[in-house]
Amino acid sequence: MGYFGGMGLLSWVEGFKHWLAFLLLFGIGAKMIYESYSHDVDVKTHRLTHKVMCLLAIATSLDAMAAGFTLNLMIIEPIVACFIIGLMTAILSYVGVWIGSQSGTWLEHKAEMLGGIV
């Protein structure tokens, strides 16, 4: 669905797609750096209800649809892109878990700042 929707939007964003990607990534990174400075220790935990799970499922679906939109901005076959995305997700997830287990508590809130900078 996202892939076909992206085909229709491609002509609208063709001229400034690199700036759009830059602004989105810059905004996410800036928010991560900002949040790394807020040392709110009293974070409330919420119960995981059906309503929360439904909202998370909708958010995940919207994220996947946005990823489908971006596939049209690149000159690559969708099957190849899915394989590359899956492979890189597996590798980087493994590396992230390994780094997290090695860093322990010495990295703490600096990890979020590092993620925002990257």
PDB file of N, CA and C in Angstrom:
ATOM      1  N   MET A   1       0.828  -1.191   0.000  1.00  0.00           N
ATOM      2  CA  MET A   1       0.000   0.000   0.000  1.00  0.00           C
ATOM      3  C   MET A   1       0.872   1.255   0.000  1.00  0.00           C
ATOM      4  N   GLY A   2       1.882   1.267   0.884  1.00  0.00           N
ATOM      5  CA  GLY A   2       2.770   2.413   0.955  1.00  0.00           C
ATOM      6  C   GLY A   2       3.585   2.585  -0.313  1.00  0.00           C
ATOM      7  N   TYR A   3       3.997   1.459  -0.900  1.00  0.00           N
ATOM      8  CA  TYR A   3       4.791   1.521  -2.133  1.00  0.00           C
ATOM      9  C   TYR A   3       3.990   2.169  -3.256  1.00  0.00           C
ATOM     10  N   PHE A   4       2.739   1.760  -3.419  1.00  0.00           N
ATOM     11  CA  PHE A   4       1.910   2.307  -4.495  1.00  0.00           C
ATOM     12  C   PHE A   4       1.500   3.751  -4.209  1.00  0.00           C
ATOM     13  N   GLY A   5       1.291   4.068  -2.931  1.00  0.00           N
ATOM     14  CA  GLY A   5       1.004   5.458  -2.574  1.00  0.00           C
ATOM     15  C   GLY A   5       2.192   6.351  -2.849  1.00  0.00           C
ATOM     16  N   GLY A   6       3.390   5.819  -2.601  1.00  0.00           N
ATOM     17  CA  GLY A   6       4.607   6.574  -2.872  1.00  0.00           C
ATOM     18  C   GLY A   6       4.806   6.845  -4.346  1.00  0.00           C
ATOM     19  N   MET A   7       4.345   5.929  -5.201  1.00  0.00           N
ATOM     20  CA  MET A   7       4.459   6.143  -6.642  1.00  0.00           C
ATOM     21  C   MET A   7       3.701   7.402  -7.050  1.00  0.00           C
ATOM     22  N   GLY A   8       2.544   7.637  -6.420  1.00  0.00           N
ATOM     23  CA  GLY A   8       1.749   8.819  -6.742  1.00  0.00           C
ATOM     24  C   GLY A   8       2.357  10.098  -6.186  1.00  0.00           C
ATOM     25  N   LEU A   9       3.037  10.009  -5.040  1.00  0.00           N
ATOM     26  CA  LEU A   9       3.625  11.193  -4.413  1.00  0.00           C
ATOM     27  C   LEU A   9       5.006  11.553  -4.944  1.00  0.00           C
ATOM     28  N   LEU A  10       5.624  10.628  -5.682  1.00  0.00           N
ATOM     29  CA  LEU A  10       6.991  10.840  -6.143  1.00  0.00           C
ATOM     30  C   LEU A  10       7.137  12.115  -6.960  1.00  0.00           C
ATOM     31  N   SER A  11       6.196  12.399  -7.837  1.00  0.00           N
ATOM     32  CA  SER A  11       6.317  13.585  -8.689  1.00  0.00           C
ATOM     33  C   SER A  11       6.205  14.877  -7.879  1.00  0.00           C
ATOM     34  N   TRP A  12       5.525  14.834  -6.751  1.00  0.00           N
ATOM     35  CA  TRP A  12       5.364  16.033  -5.926  1.00  0.00           C
ATOM     36  C   TRP A  12       6.632  16.377  -5.156  1.00  0.00           C
ATOM     37  N   VAL A  13       7.373  15.374  -4.716  1.00  0.00           N
ATOM     38  CA  VAL A  13       8.522  15.632  -3.845  1.00  0.00           C
ATOM     39  C   VAL A  13       9.862  15.410  -4.535  1.00  0.00           C
ATOM     40  N   GLU A  14       9.857  15.140  -5.816  1.00  0.00           N
ATOM     41  CA  GLU A  14      11.088  14.818  -6.542  1.00  0.00           C
ATOM     42  C   GLU A  14      12.161  15.898  -6.390  1.00  0.00           C
ATOM     43  N   GLY A  15      11.776  17.151  -6.458  1.00  0.00           N
ATOM     44  CA  GLY A  15      12.747  18.245  -6.430  1.00  0.00           C
ATOM     45  C   GLY A  15      13.363  18.510  -5.065  1.00  0.00           C
ATOM     46  N   PHE A  16      12.680  18.161  -3.998  1.00  0.00           N
ATOM     47  CA  PHE A  16      13.194  18.496  -2.669  1.00  0.00           C
ATOM     48  C   PHE A  16      13.214  17.292  -1.730  1.00  0.00           C
ATOM     49  N   LYS A  17      13.259  16.097  -2.268  1.00  0.00           N
ATOM     50  CA  LYS A  17      13.205  14.901  -1.428  1.00  0.00           C
ATOM     51  C   LYS A  17      14.417  14.793  -0.506  1.00  0.00           C
ATOM     52  N   HIS A  18      15.588  15.243  -0.948  1.00  0.00           N
ATOM     53  CA  HIS A  18      16.767  15.182  -0.088  1.00  0.00           C
ATOM     54  C   HIS A  18      16.644  16.138   1.088  1.00  0.00           C
ATOM     55  N   TRP A  19      16.035  17.294   0.865  1.00  0.00           N
ATOM     56  CA  TRP A  19      15.831  18.243   1.972  1.00  0.00           C
ATOM     57  C   TRP A  19      14.780  17.731   2.948  1.00  0.00           C
ATOM     58  N   LEU A  20      13.770  17.081   2.424  1.00  0.00           N
ATOM     59  CA  LEU A  20      12.734  16.507   3.272  1.00  0.00           C
ATOM     60  C   LEU A  20      13.327  15.425   4.179  1.00  0.00           C
ATOM     61  N   ALA A  21      14.141  14.552   3.609  1.00  0.00           N
ATOM     62  CA  ALA A  21      14.801  13.507   4.407  1.00  0.00           C
ATOM     63  C   ALA A  21      15.725  14.124   5.448  1.00  0.00           C
ATOM     64  N   PHE A  22      16.470  15.159   5.042  1.00  0.00           N
ATOM     65  CA  PHE A  22      17.383  15.829   5.975  1.00  0.00           C
ATOM     66  C   PHE A  22      16.620  16.427   7.150  1.00  0.00           C
ATOM     67  N   LEU A  23      15.534  17.126   6.876  1.00  0.00           N
ATOM     68  CA  LEU A  23      14.768  17.763   7.948  1.00  0.00           C
ATOM     69  C   LEU A  23      14.154  16.742   8.903  1.00  0.00           C
ATOM     70  N   LEU A  24      13.640  15.651   8.361  1.00  0.00           N
ATOM     71  CA  LEU A  24      13.064  14.616   9.221  1.00  0.00           C
ATOM     72  C   LEU A  24      14.124  13.992  10.121  1.00  0.00           C
ATOM     73  N   LEU A  25      15.261  13.626   9.553  1.00  0.00           N
ATOM     74  CA  LEU A  25      16.320  13.006  10.356  1.00  0.00           C
ATOM     75  C   LEU A  25      16.932  13.992  11.343  1.00  0.00           C
ATOM     76  N   PHE A  26      17.070  15.246  10.935  1.00  0.00           N
ATOM     77  CA  PHE A  26      17.600  16.265  11.838  1.00  0.00           C
ATOM     78  C   PHE A  26      16.661  16.470  13.025  1.00  0.00           C
ATOM     79  N   GLY A  27      15.366  16.514  12.751  1.00  0.00           N
ATOM     80  CA  GLY A  27      14.385  16.693  13.819  1.00  0.00           C
ATOM     81  C   GLY A  27      14.394  15.540  14.812  1.00  0.00           C
ATOM     82  N   ILE A  28      14.486  14.321  14.299  1.00  0.00           N
ATOM     83  CA  ILE A  28      14.530  13.155  15.190  1.00  0.00           C
ATOM     84  C   ILE A  28      15.805  13.182  16.026  1.00  0.00           C
ATOM     85  N   GLY A  29      16.944  13.492  15.407  1.00  0.00           N
ATOM     86  CA  GLY A  29      18.205  13.556  16.136  1.00  0.00           C
ATOM     87  C   GLY A  29      18.210  14.646  17.186  1.00  0.00           C
ATOM     88  N   ALA A  30      17.669  15.813  16.849  1.00  0.00           N
ATOM     89  CA  ALA A  30      17.613  16.924  17.807  1.00  0.00           C
ATOM     90  C   ALA A  30      16.730  16.569  18.999  1.00  0.00           C
ATOM     91  N   LYS A  31      15.621  15.878  18.740  1.00  0.00           N
ATOM     92  CA  LYS A  31      14.736  15.466  19.836  1.00  0.00           C
ATOM     93  C   LYS A  31      15.433  14.455  20.738  1.00  0.00           C
ATOM     94  N   MET A  32      16.201  13.546  20.164  1.00  0.00           N
ATOM     95  CA  MET A  32      16.932  12.570  20.971  1.00  0.00           C
ATOM     96  C   MET A  32      17.981  13.259  21.846  1.00  0.00           C
ATOM     97  N   ILE A  33      18.680  14.238  21.278  1.00  0.00           N
ATOM     98  CA  ILE A  33      19.689  14.961  22.064  1.00  0.00           C
ATOM     99  C   ILE A  33      19.011  15.746  23.179  1.00  0.00           C
ATOM    100  N   TYR A  34      17.891  16.404  22.878  1.00  0.00           N
ATOM    101  CA  TYR A  34      17.146  17.155  23.887  1.00  0.00           C
ATOM    102  C   TYR A  34      16.701  16.241  25.019  1.00  0.00           C
ATOM    103  N   GLU A  35      16.146  15.078  24.668  1.00  0.00           N
ATOM    104  CA  GLU A  35      15.660  14.159  25.687  1.00  0.00           C
ATOM    105  C   GLU A  35      16.789  13.542  26.505  1.00  0.00           C
ATOM    106  N   SER A  36      17.999  13.501  25.951  1.00  0.00           N
ATOM    107  CA  SER A  36      19.115  12.935  26.716  1.00  0.00           C
ATOM    108  C   SER A  36      19.509  13.850  27.866  1.00  0.00           C
ATOM    109  N   TYR A  37      19.168  15.121  27.786  1.00  0.00           N
ATOM    110  CA  TYR A  37      19.477  16.062  28.863  1.00  0.00           C
ATOM    111  C   TYR A  37      18.407  16.085  29.951  1.00  0.00           C
ATOM    112  N   SER A  38      17.233  15.576  29.668  1.00  0.00           N
ATOM    113  CA  SER A  38      16.196  15.547  30.702  1.00  0.00           C
ATOM    114  C   SER A  38      16.372  14.262  31.510  1.00  0.00           C
ATOM    115  N   HIS A  39      16.753  14.422  32.753  1.00  0.00           N
ATOM    116  CA  HIS A  39      17.042  13.289  33.623  1.00  0.00           C
ATOM    117  C   HIS A  39      15.840  12.992  34.507  1.00  0.00           C
ATOM    118  N   ASP A  40      14.713  12.728  33.892  1.00  0.00           N
ATOM    119  CA  ASP A  40      13.480  12.436  34.633  1.00  0.00           C
ATOM    120  C   ASP A  40      13.533  10.990  35.117  1.00  0.00           C
ATOM    121  N   VAL A  41      13.788  10.820  36.410  1.00  0.00           N
ATOM    122  CA  VAL A  41      13.935   9.485  36.965  1.00  0.00           C
ATOM    123  C   VAL A  41      12.582   8.885  37.321  1.00  0.00           C
ATOM    124  N   ASP A  42      11.594   9.714  37.582  1.00  0.00           N
ATOM    125  CA  ASP A  42      10.275   9.237  37.978  1.00  0.00           C
ATOM    126  C   ASP A  42       9.396   8.994  36.759  1.00  0.00           C
ATOM    127  N   VAL A  43       9.805   8.085  35.924  1.00  0.00           N
ATOM    128  CA  VAL A  43       9.041   7.755  34.729  1.00  0.00           C
ATOM    129  C   VAL A  43       7.942   6.775  35.116  1.00  0.00           C
ATOM    130  N   LYS A  44       6.711   7.121  34.775  1.00  0.00           N
ATOM    131  CA  LYS A  44       5.581   6.249  35.085  1.00  0.00           C
ATOM    132  C   LYS A  44       5.568   5.080  34.105  1.00  0.00           C
ATOM    133  N   THR A  45       5.212   3.938  34.617  1.00  0.00           N
ATOM    134  CA  THR A  45       4.994   2.794  33.741  1.00  0.00           C
ATOM    135  C   THR A  45       3.493   2.591  33.608  1.00  0.00           C
ATOM    136  N   HIS A  46       3.065   2.289  32.417  1.00  0.00           N
ATOM    137  CA  HIS A  46       1.645   2.106  32.144  1.00  0.00           C
ATOM    138  C   HIS A  46       1.370   0.636  31.873  1.00  0.00           C
ATOM    139  N   ARG A  47       0.156   0.243  32.199  1.00  0.00           N
ATOM    140  CA  ARG A  47      -0.244  -1.132  31.913  1.00  0.00           C
ATOM    141  C   ARG A  47      -0.386  -1.326  30.410  1.00  0.00           C
ATOM    142  N   LEU A  48      -0.028  -2.499  29.960  1.00  0.00           N
ATOM    143  CA  LEU A  48      -0.131  -2.833  28.551  1.00  0.00           C
ATOM    144  C   LEU A  48      -1.516  -3.429  28.306  1.00  0.00           C
ATOM    145  N   THR A  49      -2.438  -2.586  27.857  1.00  0.00           N
ATOM    146  CA  THR A  49      -3.817  -3.016  27.636  1.00  0.00           C
ATOM    147  C   THR A  49      -4.051  -3.274  26.149  1.00  0.00           C
ATOM    148  N   HIS A  50      -5.242  -3.768  25.829  1.00  0.00           N
ATOM    149  CA  HIS A  50      -5.591  -3.991  24.425  1.00  0.00           C
ATOM    150  C   HIS A  50      -5.626  -2.678  23.653  1.00  0.00           C
ATOM    151  N   LYS A  51      -6.085  -1.619  24.301  1.00  0.00           N
ATOM    152  CA  LYS A  51      -6.142  -0.314  23.644  1.00  0.00           C
ATOM    153  C   LYS A  51      -4.733   0.172  23.290  1.00  0.00           C
ATOM    154  N   VAL A  52      -3.802   0.026  24.216  1.00  0.00           N
ATOM    155  CA  VAL A  52      -2.417   0.441  23.974  1.00  0.00           C
ATOM    156  C   VAL A  52      -1.815  -0.390  22.847  1.00  0.00           C
ATOM    157  N   MET A  53      -2.048  -1.705  22.873  1.00  0.00           N
ATOM    158  CA  MET A  53      -1.525  -2.580  21.826  1.00  0.00           C
ATOM    159  C   MET A  53      -2.098  -2.229  20.458  1.00  0.00           C
ATOM    160  N   CYS A  54      -3.374  -1.866  20.415  1.00  0.00           N
ATOM    161  CA  CYS A  54      -4.002  -1.475  19.152  1.00  0.00           C
ATOM    162  C   CYS A  54      -3.382  -0.191  18.615  1.00  0.00           C
ATOM    163  N   LEU A  55      -3.164   0.777  19.490  1.00  0.00           N
ATOM    164  CA  LEU A  55      -2.543   2.034  19.066  1.00  0.00           C
ATOM    165  C   LEU A  55      -1.107   1.807  18.597  1.00  0.00           C
ATOM    166  N   LEU A  56      -0.373   0.936  19.266  1.00  0.00           N
ATOM    167  CA  LEU A  56       0.988   0.619  18.827  1.00  0.00           C
ATOM    168  C   LEU A  56       0.983  -0.086  17.476  1.00  0.00           C
ATOM    169  N   ALA A  57       0.004  -0.944  17.245  1.00  0.00           N
ATOM    170  CA  ALA A  57      -0.104  -1.626  15.957  1.00  0.00           C
ATOM    171  C   ALA A  57      -0.393  -0.633  14.837  1.00  0.00           C
ATOM    172  N   ILE A  58      -1.254   0.342  15.101  1.00  0.00           N
ATOM    173  CA  ILE A  58      -1.564   1.371  14.099  1.00  0.00           C
ATOM    174  C   ILE A  58      -0.316   2.212  13.814  1.00  0.00           C
ATOM    175  N   ALA A  59       0.408   2.590  14.868  1.00  0.00           N
ATOM    176  CA  ALA A  59       1.628   3.385  14.682  1.00  0.00           C
ATOM    177  C   ALA A  59       2.658   2.604  13.872  1.00  0.00           C
ATOM    178  N   THR A  60       2.789   1.313  14.136  1.00  0.00           N
ATOM    179  CA  THR A  60       3.729   0.486  13.377  1.00  0.00           C
ATOM    180  C   THR A  60       3.302   0.384  11.923  1.00  0.00           C
ATOM    181  N   SER A  61       2.015   0.259  11.686  1.00  0.00           N
ATOM    182  CA  SER A  61       1.521   0.182  10.311  1.00  0.00           C
ATOM    183  C   SER A  61       1.778   1.480   9.563  1.00  0.00           C
ATOM    184  N   LEU A  62       1.579   2.610  10.223  1.00  0.00           N
ATOM    185  CA  LEU A  62       1.856   3.900   9.585  1.00  0.00           C
ATOM    186  C   LEU A  62       3.340   4.044   9.280  1.00  0.00           C
ATOM    187  N   ASP A  63       4.183   3.559  10.179  1.00  0.00           N
ATOM    188  CA  ASP A  63       5.623   3.611   9.956  1.00  0.00           C
ATOM    189  C   ASP A  63       6.011   2.750   8.751  1.00  0.00           C
ATOM    190  N   ALA A  64       5.419   1.570   8.653  1.00  0.00           N
ATOM    191  CA  ALA A  64       5.693   0.694   7.517  1.00  0.00           C
ATOM    192  C   ALA A  64       5.190   1.317   6.216  1.00  0.00           C
ATOM    193  N   MET A  65       4.048   2.006   6.273  1.00  0.00           N
ATOM    194  CA  MET A  65       3.527   2.662   5.078  1.00  0.00           C
ATOM    195  C   MET A  65       4.463   3.790   4.642  1.00  0.00           C
ATOM    196  N   ALA A  66       5.007   4.529   5.604  1.00  0.00           N
ATOM    197  CA  ALA A  66       5.958   5.594   5.269  1.00  0.00           C
ATOM    198  C   ALA A  66       7.216   5.009   4.647  1.00  0.00           C
ATOM    199  N   ALA A  67       7.659   3.860   5.147  1.00  0.00           N
ATOM    200  CA  ALA A  67       8.820   3.198   4.550  1.00  0.00           C
ATOM    201  C   ALA A  67       8.509   2.789   3.109  1.00  0.00           C
ATOM    202  N   GLY A  68       7.280   2.343   2.877  1.00  0.00           N
ATOM    203  CA  GLY A  68       6.876   1.998   1.517  1.00  0.00           C
ATOM    204  C   GLY A  68       6.879   3.197   0.593  1.00  0.00           C
ATOM    205  N   PHE A  69       6.478   4.357   1.113  1.00  0.00           N
ATOM    206  CA  PHE A  69       6.532   5.580   0.311  1.00  0.00           C
ATOM    207  C   PHE A  69       7.958   5.870  -0.136  1.00  0.00           C
ATOM    208  N   THR A  70       8.899   5.700   0.768  1.00  0.00           N
ATOM    209  CA  THR A  70      10.285   6.056   0.446  1.00  0.00           C
ATOM    210  C   THR A  70      10.928   5.086  -0.528  1.00  0.00           C
ATOM    211  N   LEU A  71      10.407   3.865  -0.636  1.00  0.00           N
ATOM    212  CA  LEU A  71      10.981   2.917  -1.595  1.00  0.00           C
ATOM    213  C   LEU A  71      10.881   3.441  -3.021  1.00  0.00           C
ATOM    214  N   ASN A  72       9.877   4.242  -3.310  1.00  0.00           N
ATOM    215  CA  ASN A  72       9.737   4.795  -4.649  1.00  0.00           C
ATOM    216  C   ASN A  72      10.721   5.928  -4.922  1.00  0.00           C
ATOM    217  N   LEU A  73      11.304   6.480  -3.889  1.00  0.00           N
ATOM    218  CA  LEU A  73      12.251   7.572  -4.084  1.00  0.00           C
ATOM    219  C   LEU A  73      13.626   7.055  -4.486  1.00  0.00           C
ATOM    220  N   MET A  74      13.832   5.756  -4.347  1.00  0.00           N
ATOM    221  CA  MET A  74      15.114   5.153  -4.700  1.00  0.00           C
ATOM    222  C   MET A  74      14.942   4.309  -5.955  1.00  0.00           C
ATOM    223  N   ILE A  75      16.030   4.188  -6.688  1.00  0.00           N
ATOM    224  CA  ILE A  75      15.982   3.362  -7.888  1.00  0.00           C
ATOM    225  C   ILE A  75      16.483   1.968  -7.494  1.00  0.00           C
ATOM    226  N   ILE A  76      15.563   1.138  -6.991  1.00  0.00           N
ATOM    227  CA  ILE A  76      15.900  -0.214  -6.546  1.00  0.00           C
ATOM    228  C   ILE A  76      14.637  -1.059  -6.608  1.00  0.00           C
ATOM    229  N   GLU A  77      14.822  -2.326  -6.899  1.00  0.00           N
ATOM    230  CA  GLU A  77      13.689  -3.245  -6.918  1.00  0.00           C
ATOM    231  C   GLU A  77      13.163  -3.440  -5.489  1.00  0.00           C
ATOM    232  N   PRO A  78      11.854  -3.465  -5.295  1.00  0.00           N
ATOM    233  CA  PRO A  78      11.294  -3.619  -3.942  1.00  0.00           C
ATOM    234  C   PRO A  78      11.747  -4.897  -3.226  1.00  0.00           C
ATOM    235  N   ILE A  79      11.872  -5.999  -3.963  1.00  0.00           N
ATOM    236  CA  ILE A  79      12.299  -7.260  -3.340  1.00  0.00           C
ATOM    237  C   ILE A  79      13.730  -7.142  -2.832  1.00  0.00           C
ATOM    238  N   VAL A  80      14.601  -6.539  -3.623  1.00  0.00           N
ATOM    239  CA  VAL A  80      15.994  -6.340  -3.211  1.00  0.00           C
ATOM    240  C   VAL A  80      16.045  -5.421  -1.998  1.00  0.00           C
ATOM    241  N   ALA A  81      15.246  -4.358  -2.019  1.00  0.00           N
ATOM    242  CA  ALA A  81      15.214  -3.429  -0.886  1.00  0.00           C
ATOM    243  C   ALA A  81      14.746  -4.137   0.381  1.00  0.00           C
ATOM    244  N   CYS A  82      13.724  -4.972   0.285  1.00  0.00           N
ATOM    245  CA  CYS A  82      13.234  -5.705   1.457  1.00  0.00           C
ATOM    246  C   CYS A  82      14.295  -6.647   1.999  1.00  0.00           C
ATOM    247  N   PHE A  83      15.026  -7.322   1.106  1.00  0.00           N
ATOM    248  CA  PHE A  83      16.095  -8.215   1.551  1.00  0.00           C
ATOM    249  C   PHE A  83      17.199  -7.436   2.268  1.00  0.00           C
ATOM    250  N   ILE A  84      17.605  -6.309   1.691  1.00  0.00           N
ATOM    251  CA  ILE A  84      18.657  -5.490   2.301  1.00  0.00           C
ATOM    252  C   ILE A  84      18.195  -4.949   3.654  1.00  0.00           C
ATOM    253  N   ILE A  85      16.958  -4.469   3.725  1.00  0.00           N
ATOM    254  CA  ILE A  85      16.420  -3.936   4.983  1.00  0.00           C
ATOM    255  C   ILE A  85      16.384  -5.024   6.051  1.00  0.00           C
ATOM    256  N   GLY A  86      15.911  -6.210   5.695  1.00  0.00           N
ATOM    257  CA  GLY A  86      15.853  -7.310   6.650  1.00  0.00           C
ATOM    258  C   GLY A  86      17.227  -7.734   7.129  1.00  0.00           C
ATOM    259  N   LEU A  87      18.176  -7.850   6.216  1.00  0.00           N
ATOM    260  CA  LEU A  87      19.536  -8.251   6.570  1.00  0.00           C
ATOM    261  C   LEU A  87      20.198  -7.216   7.479  1.00  0.00           C
ATOM    262  N   MET A  88      20.091  -5.951   7.103  1.00  0.00           N
ATOM    263  CA  MET A  88      20.710  -4.894   7.913  1.00  0.00           C
ATOM    264  C   MET A  88      20.040  -4.767   9.281  1.00  0.00           C
ATOM    265  N   THR A  89      18.725  -4.969   9.334  1.00  0.00           N
ATOM    266  CA  THR A  89      18.028  -4.932  10.616  1.00  0.00           C
ATOM    267  C   THR A  89      18.539  -6.039  11.534  1.00  0.00           C
ATOM    268  N   ALA A  90      18.711  -7.231  11.003  1.00  0.00           N
ATOM    269  CA  ALA A  90      19.210  -8.344  11.807  1.00  0.00           C
ATOM    270  C   ALA A  90      20.630  -8.073  12.296  1.00  0.00           C
ATOM    271  N   ILE A  91      21.504  -7.623  11.402  1.00  0.00           N
ATOM    272  CA  ILE A  91      22.902  -7.374  11.773  1.00  0.00           C
ATOM    273  C   ILE A  91      22.998  -6.254  12.797  1.00  0.00           C
ATOM    274  N   LEU A  92      22.339  -5.128  12.531  1.00  0.00           N
ATOM    275  CA  LEU A  92      22.443  -3.986  13.442  1.00  0.00           C
ATOM    276  C   LEU A  92      21.755  -4.248  14.776  1.00  0.00           C
ATOM    277  N   SER A  93      20.695  -5.066  14.784  1.00  0.00           N
ATOM    278  CA  SER A  93      20.064  -5.433  16.053  1.00  0.00           C
ATOM    279  C   SER A  93      21.034  -6.249  16.896  1.00  0.00           C
ATOM    280  N   TYR A  94      21.700  -7.205  16.272  1.00  0.00           N
ATOM    281  CA  TYR A  94      22.675  -8.014  16.986  1.00  0.00           C
ATOM    282  C   TYR A  94      23.811  -7.147  17.537  1.00  0.00           C
ATOM    283  N   VAL A  95      24.340  -6.260  16.688  1.00  0.00           N
ATOM    284  CA  VAL A  95      25.428  -5.374  17.119  1.00  0.00           C
ATOM    285  C   VAL A  95      24.963  -4.460  18.251  1.00  0.00           C
ATOM    286  N   GLY A  96      23.741  -3.935  18.159  1.00  0.00           N
ATOM    287  CA  GLY A  96      23.208  -3.061  19.205  1.00  0.00           C
ATOM    288  C   GLY A  96      23.059  -3.764  20.533  1.00  0.00           C
ATOM    289  N   VAL A  97      22.566  -5.006  20.511  1.00  0.00           N
ATOM    290  CA  VAL A  97      22.439  -5.776  21.750  1.00  0.00           C
ATOM    291  C   VAL A  97      23.825  -6.069  22.330  1.00  0.00           C
ATOM    292  N   TRP A  98      24.770  -6.401  21.465  1.00  0.00           N
ATOM    293  CA  TRP A  98      26.126  -6.685  21.940  1.00  0.00           C
ATOM    294  C   TRP A  98      26.759  -5.443  22.566  1.00  0.00           C
ATOM    295  N   ILE A  99      26.643  -4.292  21.890  1.00  0.00           N
ATOM    296  CA  ILE A  99      27.198  -3.045  22.445  1.00  0.00           C
ATOM    297  C   ILE A  99      26.513  -2.703  23.763  1.00  0.00           C
ATOM    298  N   GLY A 100      25.206  -2.869  23.828  1.00  0.00           N
ATOM    299  CA  GLY A 100      24.473  -2.595  25.059  1.00  0.00           C
ATOM    300  C   GLY A 100      24.919  -3.474  26.207  1.00  0.00           C
ATOM    301  N   SER A 101      25.175  -4.747  25.920  1.00  0.00           N
ATOM    302  CA  SER A 101      25.619  -5.645  26.990  1.00  0.00           C
ATOM    303  C   SER A 101      27.047  -5.337  27.417  1.00  0.00           C
ATOM    304  N   GLN A 102      27.872  -4.816  26.514  1.00  0.00           N
ATOM    305  CA  GLN A 102      29.250  -4.489  26.849  1.00  0.00           C
ATOM    306  C   GLN A 102      29.363  -3.146  27.579  1.00  0.00           C
ATOM    307  N   SER A 103      28.494  -2.215  27.235  1.00  0.00           N
ATOM    308  CA  SER A 103      28.600  -0.877  27.823  1.00  0.00           C
ATOM    309  C   SER A 103      28.056  -0.827  29.237  1.00  0.00           C
ATOM    310  N   GLY A 104      27.117  -1.711  29.542  1.00  0.00           N
ATOM    311  CA  GLY A 104      26.574  -1.754  30.900  1.00  0.00           C
ATOM    312  C   GLY A 104      25.973  -0.429  31.315  1.00  0.00           C
ATOM    313  N   THR A 105      26.270  -0.016  32.533  1.00  0.00           N
ATOM    314  CA  THR A 105      25.686   1.219  33.061  1.00  0.00           C
ATOM    315  C   THR A 105      26.591   2.433  32.865  1.00  0.00           C
ATOM    316  N   TRP A 106      27.797   2.250  32.369  1.00  0.00           N
ATOM    317  CA  TRP A 106      28.688   3.404  32.253  1.00  0.00           C
ATOM    318  C   TRP A 106      28.259   4.366  31.153  1.00  0.00           C
ATOM    319  N   LEU A 107      27.489   3.904  30.188  1.00  0.00           N
ATOM    320  CA  LEU A 107      27.059   4.786  29.103  1.00  0.00           C
ATOM    321  C   LEU A 107      25.796   5.547  29.477  1.00  0.00           C
ATOM    322  N   GLU A 108      24.870   4.913  30.177  1.00  0.00           N
ATOM    323  CA  GLU A 108      23.620   5.479  30.678  1.00  0.00           C
ATOM    324  C   GLU A 108      22.933   6.399  29.672  1.00  0.00           C
ATOM    325  N   HIS A 109      22.654   7.654  30.074  1.00  0.00           N
ATOM    326  CA  HIS A 109      21.885   8.578  29.228  1.00  0.00           C
ATOM    327  C   HIS A 109      22.701   9.109  28.049  1.00  0.00           C
ATOM    328  N   LYS A 110      23.997   8.896  28.054  1.00  0.00           N
ATOM    329  CA  LYS A 110      24.825   9.365  26.942  1.00  0.00           C
ATOM    330  C   LYS A 110      24.537   8.570  25.674  1.00  0.00           C
ATOM    331  N   ALA A 111      23.977   7.378  25.814  1.00  0.00           N
ATOM    332  CA  ALA A 111      23.653   6.564  24.650  1.00  0.00           C
ATOM    333  C   ALA A 111      22.590   7.256  23.793  1.00  0.00           C
ATOM    334  N   GLU A 112      21.622   7.878  24.421  1.00  0.00           N
ATOM    335  CA  GLU A 112      20.575   8.571  23.664  1.00  0.00           C
ATOM    336  C   GLU A 112      21.149   9.784  22.935  1.00  0.00           C
ATOM    337  N   MET A 113      22.071  10.488  23.590  1.00  0.00           N
ATOM    338  CA  MET A 113      22.713  11.630  22.942  1.00  0.00           C
ATOM    339  C   MET A 113      23.555  11.152  21.752  1.00  0.00           C
ATOM    340  N   LEU A 114      24.279  10.074  21.926  1.00  0.00           N
ATOM    341  CA  LEU A 114      25.088   9.522  20.840  1.00  0.00           C
ATOM    342  C   LEU A 114      24.203   9.115  19.667  1.00  0.00           C
ATOM    343  N   GLY A 115      23.061   8.500  19.965  1.00  0.00           N
ATOM    344  CA  GLY A 115      22.127   8.133  18.905  1.00  0.00           C
ATOM    345  C   GLY A 115      21.596   9.343  18.162  1.00  0.00           C
ATOM    346  N   GLY A 116      21.342  10.441  18.871  1.00  0.00           N
ATOM    347  CA  GLY A 116      20.866  11.658  18.221  1.00  0.00           C
ATOM    348  C   GLY A 116      21.929  12.302  17.352  1.00  0.00           C
ATOM    349  N   ILE A 117      23.181  12.214  17.771  1.00  0.00           N
ATOM    350  CA  ILE A 117      24.275  12.774  16.974  1.00  0.00           C
ATOM    351  C   ILE A 117      24.496  11.975  15.712  1.00  0.00           C
ATOM    352  N   VAL A 118      24.421  10.652  15.847  1.00  0.00           N
ATOM    353  CA  VAL A 118      24.629   9.781  14.677  1.00  0.00           C
ATOM    354  C   VAL A 118      23.492   9.986  13.701  1.00  0.00           C
TER     355      VAL A 118
END
